[in-house]
PDB file of N, CA and C in Angstrom:
ATOM      1  N   UNK A   1      81.634  92.787  99.760  1.00  0.00           N
ATOM      2  CA  UNK A   1      82.055  94.419 100.149  1.00  0.00           C
ATOM      3  C   UNK A   1      80.946  95.448  99.300  1.00  0.00           C
ATOM      4  N   UNK A   2      79.834  95.180  98.811  1.00  0.00           N
ATOM      5  CA  UNK A   2      78.598  96.351  99.092  1.00  0.00           C
ATOM      6  C   UNK A   2      78.020  96.271 100.027  1.00  0.00           C
ATOM      7  N   UNK A   3      78.162  95.716 100.740  1.00  0.00           N
ATOM      8  CA  UNK A   3      77.032  94.977 102.085  1.00  0.00           C
ATOM      9  C   UNK A   3      77.399  96.144 102.810  1.00  0.00           C
ATOM     10  N   UNK A   4      79.327  96.455 103.204  1.00  0.00           N
ATOM     11  CA  UNK A   4      79.952  96.807 104.131  1.00  0.00           C
ATOM     12  C   UNK A   4      80.130  98.353 103.509  1.00  0.00           C
ATOM     13  N   UNK A   5      79.841  98.442 102.585  1.00  0.00           N
ATOM     14  CA  UNK A   5      80.198  99.752 101.419  1.00  0.00           C
ATOM     15  C   UNK A   5      78.871 100.381 102.189  1.00  0.00           C
ATOM     16  N   UNK A   6      77.482  99.576 102.113  1.00  0.00           N
ATOM     17  CA  UNK A   6      76.261  99.742 102.234  1.00  0.00           C
ATOM     18  C   UNK A   6      76.064 100.726 103.854  1.00  0.00           C
ATOM     19  N   UNK A   7      76.598  99.976 104.636  1.00  0.00           N
ATOM     20  CA  UNK A   7      76.483 100.024 106.342  1.00  0.00           C
ATOM     21  C   UNK A   7      77.105 101.591 106.786  1.00  0.00           C
ATOM     22  N   UNK A   8      78.471 101.560 105.804  1.00  0.00           N
ATOM     23  CA  UNK A   8      79.470 102.985 106.100  1.00  0.00           C
ATOM     24  C   UNK A   8      78.813 104.057 105.568  1.00  0.00           C
ATOM     25  N   UNK A   9      78.629 103.995 104.296  1.00  0.00           N
ATOM     26  CA  UNK A   9      78.215 105.273 103.945  1.00  0.00           C
ATOM     27  C   UNK A   9      76.490 105.131 104.526  1.00  0.00           C
ATOM     28  N   UNK A  10      75.770 104.309 105.013  1.00  0.00           N
ATOM     29  CA  UNK A  10      74.413 104.662 105.601  1.00  0.00           C
ATOM     30  C   UNK A  10      74.460 104.909 106.759  1.00  0.00           C
ATOM     31  N   UNK A  11      75.557 105.052 107.635  1.00  0.00           N
ATOM     32  CA  UNK A  11      75.955 105.547 108.856  1.00  0.00           C
ATOM     33  C   UNK A  11      76.386 106.333 109.054  1.00  0.00           C
ATOM     34  N   UNK A  12      77.419 106.969 108.034  1.00  0.00           N
ATOM     35  CA  UNK A  12      77.721 108.358 108.102  1.00  0.00           C
ATOM     36  C   UNK A  12      76.428 109.108 107.525  1.00  0.00           C
ATOM     37  N   UNK A  13      75.542 108.541 106.375  1.00  0.00           N
ATOM     38  CA  UNK A  13      74.449 109.145 106.053  1.00  0.00           C
ATOM     39  C   UNK A  13      73.472 109.638 107.009  1.00  0.00           C
ATOM     40  N   UNK A  14      73.190 108.686 107.666  1.00  0.00           N
ATOM     41  CA  UNK A  14      72.269 108.531 109.232  1.00  0.00           C
ATOM     42  C   UNK A  14      72.913 109.913 109.821  1.00  0.00           C
ATOM     43  N   UNK A  15      74.089 109.617 110.432  1.00  0.00           N
ATOM     44  CA  UNK A  15      74.315 110.482 111.366  1.00  0.00           C
ATOM     45  C   UNK A  15      74.277 112.713 110.779  1.00  0.00           C
ATOM     46  N   UNK A  16      74.702 112.498 109.328  1.00  0.00           N
ATOM     47  CA  UNK A  16      74.468 113.615 108.831  1.00  0.00           C
ATOM     48  C   UNK A  16      73.676 113.823 108.740  1.00  0.00           C
ATOM     49  N   UNK A  17      71.985 113.154 108.525  1.00  0.00           N
ATOM     50  CA  UNK A  17      71.329 113.485 108.180  1.00  0.00           C
ATOM     51  C   UNK A  17      70.395 113.812 109.762  1.00  0.00           C
ATOM     52  N   UNK A  18      70.657 113.078 110.823  1.00  0.00           N
ATOM     53  CA  UNK A  18      70.238 113.494 112.281  1.00  0.00           C
ATOM     54  C   UNK A  18      71.294 114.691 112.759  1.00  0.00           C
ATOM     55  N   UNK A  19      72.408 115.474 112.188  1.00  0.00           N
ATOM     56  CA  UNK A  19      72.718 116.576 112.739  1.00  0.00           C
ATOM     57  C   UNK A  19      71.998 117.603 111.807  1.00  0.00           C
ATOM     58  N   UNK A  20      71.650 117.553 110.978  1.00  0.00           N
ATOM     59  CA  UNK A  20      70.675 118.329 109.993  1.00  0.00           C
ATOM     60  C   UNK A  20      69.444 119.085 110.580  1.00  0.00           C
ATOM     61  N   UNK A  21      68.946 117.516 110.714  1.00  0.00           N
ATOM     62  CA  UNK A  21      67.378 117.717 111.763  1.00  0.00           C
ATOM     63  C   UNK A  21      67.472 117.917 113.410  1.00  0.00           C
ATOM     64  N   UNK A  22      68.169 117.722 113.448  1.00  0.00           N
ATOM     65  CA  UNK A  22      68.596 118.541 114.869  1.00  0.00           C
ATOM     66  C   UNK A  22      67.858 116.897 116.155  1.00  0.00           C
ATOM     67  N   UNK A  23      67.787 115.871 115.536  1.00  0.00           N
ATOM     68  CA  UNK A  23      67.447 114.687 116.105  1.00  0.00           C
ATOM     69  C   UNK A  23      68.448 114.029 116.960  1.00  0.00           C
ATOM     70  N   UNK A  24      68.524 113.148 118.030  1.00  0.00           N
ATOM     71  CA  UNK A  24      69.434 112.260 118.427  1.00  0.00           C
ATOM     72  C   UNK A  24      69.319 110.772 118.464  1.00  0.00           C
ATOM     73  N   UNK A  25      69.586 110.058 117.674  1.00  0.00           N
ATOM     74  CA  UNK A  25      69.792 109.116 117.467  1.00  0.00           C
ATOM     75  C   UNK A  25      70.695 107.946 117.699  1.00  0.00           C
ATOM     76  N   UNK A  26      70.893 106.580 118.026  1.00  0.00           N
ATOM     77  CA  UNK A  26      72.002 106.143 118.438  1.00  0.00           C
ATOM     78  C   UNK A  26      72.434 105.645 117.183  1.00  0.00           C
ATOM     79  N   UNK A  27      73.451 104.617 116.848  1.00  0.00           N
ATOM     80  CA  UNK A  27      74.624 104.563 116.072  1.00  0.00           C
ATOM     81  C   UNK A  27      73.809 103.080 114.920  1.00  0.00           C
ATOM     82  N   UNK A  28      73.245 102.186 116.004  1.00  0.00           N
ATOM     83  CA  UNK A  28      72.318 101.519 115.066  1.00  0.00           C
ATOM     84  C   UNK A  28      71.252 102.353 114.295  1.00  0.00           C
ATOM     85  N   UNK A  29      70.745 102.988 114.873  1.00  0.00           N
ATOM     86  CA  UNK A  29      69.196 103.654 114.335  1.00  0.00           C
ATOM     87  C   UNK A  29      69.556 104.957 112.898  1.00  0.00           C
ATOM     88  N   UNK A  30      71.083 105.427 113.518  1.00  0.00           N
ATOM     89  CA  UNK A  30      72.171 106.138 112.159  1.00  0.00           C
ATOM     90  C   UNK A  30      71.864 104.958 110.999  1.00  0.00           C
ATOM     91  N   UNK A  31      72.493 104.176 111.326  1.00  0.00           N
ATOM     92  CA  UNK A  31      72.857 102.535 110.270  1.00  0.00           C
ATOM     93  C   UNK A  31      71.491 102.904 109.401  1.00  0.00           C
ATOM     94  N   UNK A  32      70.468 102.525 109.949  1.00  0.00           N
ATOM     95  CA  UNK A  32      69.054 101.760 109.339  1.00  0.00           C
ATOM     96  C   UNK A  32      68.808 103.382 108.546  1.00  0.00           C
ATOM     97  N   UNK A  33      68.491 104.543 109.252  1.00  0.00           N
ATOM     98  CA  UNK A  33      68.361 105.710 108.762  1.00  0.00           C
ATOM     99  C   UNK A  33      69.119 105.922 107.452  1.00  0.00           C
ATOM    100  N   UNK A  34      69.858 105.488 107.444  1.00  0.00           N
ATOM    101  CA  UNK A  34      71.233 106.178 106.002  1.00  0.00           C
ATOM    102  C   UNK A  34      70.858 105.329 105.148  1.00  0.00           C
ATOM    103  N   UNK A  35      71.109 103.936 105.328  1.00  0.00           N
ATOM    104  CA  UNK A  35      70.930 102.630 104.564  1.00  0.00           C
ATOM    105  C   UNK A  35      69.143 102.761 103.904  1.00  0.00           C
ATOM    106  N   UNK A  36      68.162 103.324 104.581  1.00  0.00           N
ATOM    107  CA  UNK A  36      66.789 102.941 103.544  1.00  0.00           C
ATOM    108  C   UNK A  36      66.352 104.516 103.084  1.00  0.00           C
ATOM    109  N   UNK A  37      67.238 105.590 104.046  1.00  0.00           N
ATOM    110  CA  UNK A  37      67.677 106.807 103.468  1.00  0.00           C
ATOM    111  C   UNK A  37      68.256 106.762 101.592  1.00  0.00           C
ATOM    112  N   UNK A  38      69.079 105.455 101.563  1.00  0.00           N
ATOM    113  CA  UNK A  38      70.044 105.504  99.964  1.00  0.00           C
ATOM    114  C   UNK A  38      69.102 104.911  99.160  1.00  0.00           C
ATOM    115  N   UNK A  39      67.577 104.291  99.817  1.00  0.00           N
ATOM    116  CA  UNK A  39      67.062 102.957  98.704  1.00  0.00           C
ATOM    117  C   UNK A  39      66.150 104.527  98.050  1.00  0.00           C
ATOM    118  N   UNK A  40      65.635 105.662  99.370  1.00  0.00           N
ATOM    119  CA  UNK A  40      65.018 106.412  99.138  1.00  0.00           C
ATOM    120  C   UNK A  40      65.205 107.510  98.144  1.00  0.00           C
ATOM    121  N   UNK A  41      66.319 107.960  98.636  1.00  0.00           N
ATOM    122  CA  UNK A  41      67.089 108.889  97.759  1.00  0.00           C
ATOM    123  C   UNK A  41      67.646 108.230  96.150  1.00  0.00           C
ATOM    124  N   UNK A  42      67.707 107.306  96.102  1.00  0.00           N
ATOM    125  CA  UNK A  42      67.852 106.661  94.559  1.00  0.00           C
ATOM    126  C   UNK A  42      66.835 106.549  93.955  1.00  0.00           C
ATOM    127  N   UNK A  43      65.908 106.293  94.748  1.00  0.00           N
ATOM    128  CA  UNK A  43      64.433 106.134  94.086  1.00  0.00           C
ATOM    129  C   UNK A  43      64.090 107.679  93.719  1.00  0.00           C
ATOM    130  N   UNK A  44      63.820 108.537  94.701  1.00  0.00           N
ATOM    131  CA  UNK A  44      63.867 109.789  93.844  1.00  0.00           C
ATOM    132  C   UNK A  44      64.488 110.603  93.192  1.00  0.00           C
ATOM    133  N   UNK A  45      66.000 109.935  93.452  1.00  0.00           N
ATOM    134  CA  UNK A  45      66.907 110.455  92.221  1.00  0.00           C
ATOM    135  C   UNK A  45      66.961 109.740  90.615  1.00  0.00           C
ATOM    136  N   UNK A  46      66.357 108.593  90.261  1.00  0.00           N
ATOM    137  CA  UNK A  46      65.785 107.920  89.357  1.00  0.00           C
ATOM    138  C   UNK A  46      64.579 108.571  88.823  1.00  0.00           C
ATOM    139  N   UNK A  47      63.584 108.762  89.635  1.00  0.00           N
ATOM    140  CA  UNK A  47      62.384 109.626  88.996  1.00  0.00           C
ATOM    141  C   UNK A  47      62.916 110.888  88.270  1.00  0.00           C
ATOM    142  N   UNK A  48      64.033 111.378  88.963  1.00  0.00           N
ATOM    143  CA  UNK A  48      64.057 112.906  88.460  1.00  0.00           C
ATOM    144  C   UNK A  48      65.095 112.704  87.150  1.00  0.00           C
ATOM    145  N   UNK A  49      65.578 111.642  86.878  1.00  0.00           N
ATOM    146  CA  UNK A  49      66.500 111.203  85.854  1.00  0.00           C
ATOM    147  C   UNK A  49      67.974 111.041  86.063  1.00  0.00           C
ATOM    148  N   UNK A  50      67.991 110.933  86.977  1.00  0.00           N
ATOM    149  CA  UNK A  50      69.933 111.058  87.676  1.00  0.00           C
ATOM    150  C   UNK A  50      69.887 109.345  87.625  1.00  0.00           C
ATOM    151  N   UNK A  51      70.929 108.829  87.296  1.00  0.00           N
ATOM    152  CA  UNK A  51      71.213 106.972  87.931  1.00  0.00           C
ATOM    153  C   UNK A  51      71.992 107.634  88.601  1.00  0.00           C
ATOM    154  N   UNK A  52      72.012 107.367  89.856  1.00  0.00           N
ATOM    155  CA  UNK A  52      73.008 106.840  91.303  1.00  0.00           C
ATOM    156  C   UNK A  52      73.833 105.736  91.006  1.00  0.00           C
ATOM    157  N   UNK A  53      73.800 105.104  90.173  1.00  0.00           N
ATOM    158  CA  UNK A  53      74.475 103.376  90.381  1.00  0.00           C
ATOM    159  C   UNK A  53      75.568 104.363  89.701  1.00  0.00           C
ATOM    160  N   UNK A  54      75.529 105.139  88.804  1.00  0.00           N
ATOM    161  CA  UNK A  54      77.394 105.884  88.055  1.00  0.00           C
ATOM    162  C   UNK A  54      77.862 107.041  88.726  1.00  0.00           C
ATOM    163  N   UNK A  55      76.769 107.213  89.663  1.00  0.00           N
ATOM    164  CA  UNK A  55      77.861 108.498  90.613  1.00  0.00           C
ATOM    165  C   UNK A  55      78.710 107.944  91.264  1.00  0.00           C
ATOM    166  N   UNK A  56      79.494 109.119  92.179  1.00  0.00           N
ATOM    167  CA  UNK A  56      80.800 108.420  92.976  1.00  0.00           C
ATOM    168  C   UNK A  56      80.531 108.378  94.134  1.00  0.00           C
ATOM    169  N   UNK A  57      81.392 108.560  95.047  1.00  0.00           N
ATOM    170  CA  UNK A  57      81.194 108.342  96.769  1.00  0.00           C
ATOM    171  C   UNK A  57      80.379 109.447  96.970  1.00  0.00           C
ATOM    172  N   UNK A  58      80.889 110.921  96.591  1.00  0.00           N
ATOM    173  CA  UNK A  58      80.197 111.759  97.314  1.00  0.00           C
ATOM    174  C   UNK A  58      78.514 112.116  96.801  1.00  0.00           C
ATOM    175  N   UNK A  59      78.444 111.847  95.823  1.00  0.00           N
ATOM    176  CA  UNK A  59      76.962 111.904  95.178  1.00  0.00           C
ATOM    177  C   UNK A  59      76.044 110.873  96.063  1.00  0.00           C
ATOM    178  N   UNK A  60      76.740 109.443  95.955  1.00  0.00           N
ATOM    179  CA  UNK A  60      75.411 108.990  96.542  1.00  0.00           C
ATOM    180  C   UNK A  60      75.496 108.527  98.261  1.00  0.00           C
ATOM    181  N   UNK A  61      76.436 109.511  98.318  1.00  0.00           N
ATOM    182  CA  UNK A  61      76.437 110.147 100.553  1.00  0.00           C
ATOM    183  C   UNK A  61      75.513 111.033 100.039  1.00  0.00           C
ATOM    184  N   UNK A  62      75.435 112.228  99.430  1.00  0.00           N
ATOM    185  CA  UNK A  62      74.760 113.075  99.148  1.00  0.00           C
ATOM    186  C   UNK A  62      73.110 112.749  99.228  1.00  0.00           C
ATOM    187  N   UNK A  63      72.549 111.612  98.064  1.00  0.00           N
ATOM    188  CA  UNK A  63      71.639 111.123  97.995  1.00  0.00           C
ATOM    189  C   UNK A  63      70.844 110.252  98.948  1.00  0.00           C
ATOM    190  N   UNK A  64      71.674 109.876  99.942  1.00  0.00           N
ATOM    191  CA  UNK A  64      71.717 108.621 100.983  1.00  0.00           C
ATOM    192  C   UNK A  64      71.053 109.495 102.323  1.00  0.00           C
ATOM    193  N   UNK A  65      71.556 111.083 102.512  1.00  0.00           N
ATOM    194  CA  UNK A  65      71.802 112.070 103.052  1.00  0.00           C
ATOM    195  C   UNK A  65      70.230 112.671 103.261  1.00  0.00           C
ATOM    196  N   UNK A  66      70.115 113.369 101.813  1.00  0.00           N
ATOM    197  CA  UNK A  66      68.861 113.402 101.394  1.00  0.00           C
ATOM    198  C   UNK A  66      67.446 112.729 101.735  1.00  0.00           C
ATOM    199  N   UNK A  67      67.709 111.155 101.222  1.00  0.00           N
ATOM    200  CA  UNK A  67      66.743 109.879 101.705  1.00  0.00           C
ATOM    201  C   UNK A  67      66.631 109.854 103.060  1.00  0.00           C
ATOM    202  N   UNK A  68      68.142 109.862 104.150  1.00  0.00           N
ATOM    203  CA  UNK A  68      67.477 109.722 105.163  1.00  0.00           C
ATOM    204  C   UNK A  68      66.572 111.222 106.289  1.00  0.00           C
ATOM    205  N   UNK A  69      66.894 112.541 105.624  1.00  0.00           N
ATOM    206  CA  UNK A  69      65.996 113.580 106.132  1.00  0.00           C
ATOM    207  C   UNK A  69      64.491 113.758 105.239  1.00  0.00           C
ATOM    208  N   UNK A  70      64.292 112.976 104.823  1.00  0.00           N
ATOM    209  CA  UNK A  70      63.379 113.018 103.987  1.00  0.00           C
ATOM    210  C   UNK A  70      62.297 112.143 105.012  1.00  0.00           C
ATOM    211  N   UNK A  71      62.990 110.645 105.350  1.00  0.00           N
ATOM    212  CA  UNK A  71      62.612 109.649 106.411  1.00  0.00           C
ATOM    213  C   UNK A  71      62.518 110.211 107.502  1.00  0.00           C
ATOM    214  N   UNK A  72      63.057 111.022 108.531  1.00  0.00           N
ATOM    215  CA  UNK A  72      63.291 111.559 109.650  1.00  0.00           C
ATOM    216  C   UNK A  72      62.079 112.713 109.148  1.00  0.00           C
ATOM    217  N   UNK A  73      61.820 113.582 108.715  1.00  0.00           N
ATOM    218  CA  UNK A  73      61.008 114.557 108.518  1.00  0.00           C
ATOM    219  C   UNK A  73      59.457 113.752 108.102  1.00  0.00           C
ATOM    220  N   UNK A  74      59.410 112.552 107.461  1.00  0.00           N
ATOM    221  CA  UNK A  74      57.894 111.665 107.520  1.00  0.00           C
ATOM    222  C   UNK A  74      58.024 111.050 108.748  1.00  0.00           C
ATOM    223  N   UNK A  75      59.250 110.718 109.664  1.00  0.00           N
ATOM    224  CA  UNK A  75      58.487 110.359 111.225  1.00  0.00           C
ATOM    225  C   UNK A  75      57.870 111.048 111.854  1.00  0.00           C
ATOM    226  N   UNK A  76      58.789 112.084 111.824  1.00  0.00           N
ATOM    227  CA  UNK A  76      58.240 113.639 113.037  1.00  0.00           C
ATOM    228  C   UNK A  76      56.802 113.850 112.841  1.00  0.00           C
ATOM    229  N   UNK A  77      56.089 113.577 111.243  1.00  0.00           N
ATOM    230  CA  UNK A  77      54.831 114.070 111.090  1.00  0.00           C
ATOM    231  C   UNK A  77      54.106 112.944 111.754  1.00  0.00           C
ATOM    232  N   UNK A  78      54.525 111.575 111.876  1.00  0.00           N
ATOM    233  CA  UNK A  78      53.604 110.701 112.632  1.00  0.00           C
ATOM    234  C   UNK A  78      54.094 110.671 113.924  1.00  0.00           C
TER     235      UNK A  78
END
């Protein structure tokens, strides 16, 4: 169940990050961006003192979107 949850949240987060950043990607790239963004966002949240494992669906989605935005931004730098 956790794997399907990650794909679902990752797809939504990747899509929202693409819309915010004005980039156009395929559905597969959006899912990958969202999943990797979730890891990056979770790492940043833990460093800031937040525990994303105990947060709800909306907070996990926001963390994943934030991480995907950081990932898209870093991708544009290179």
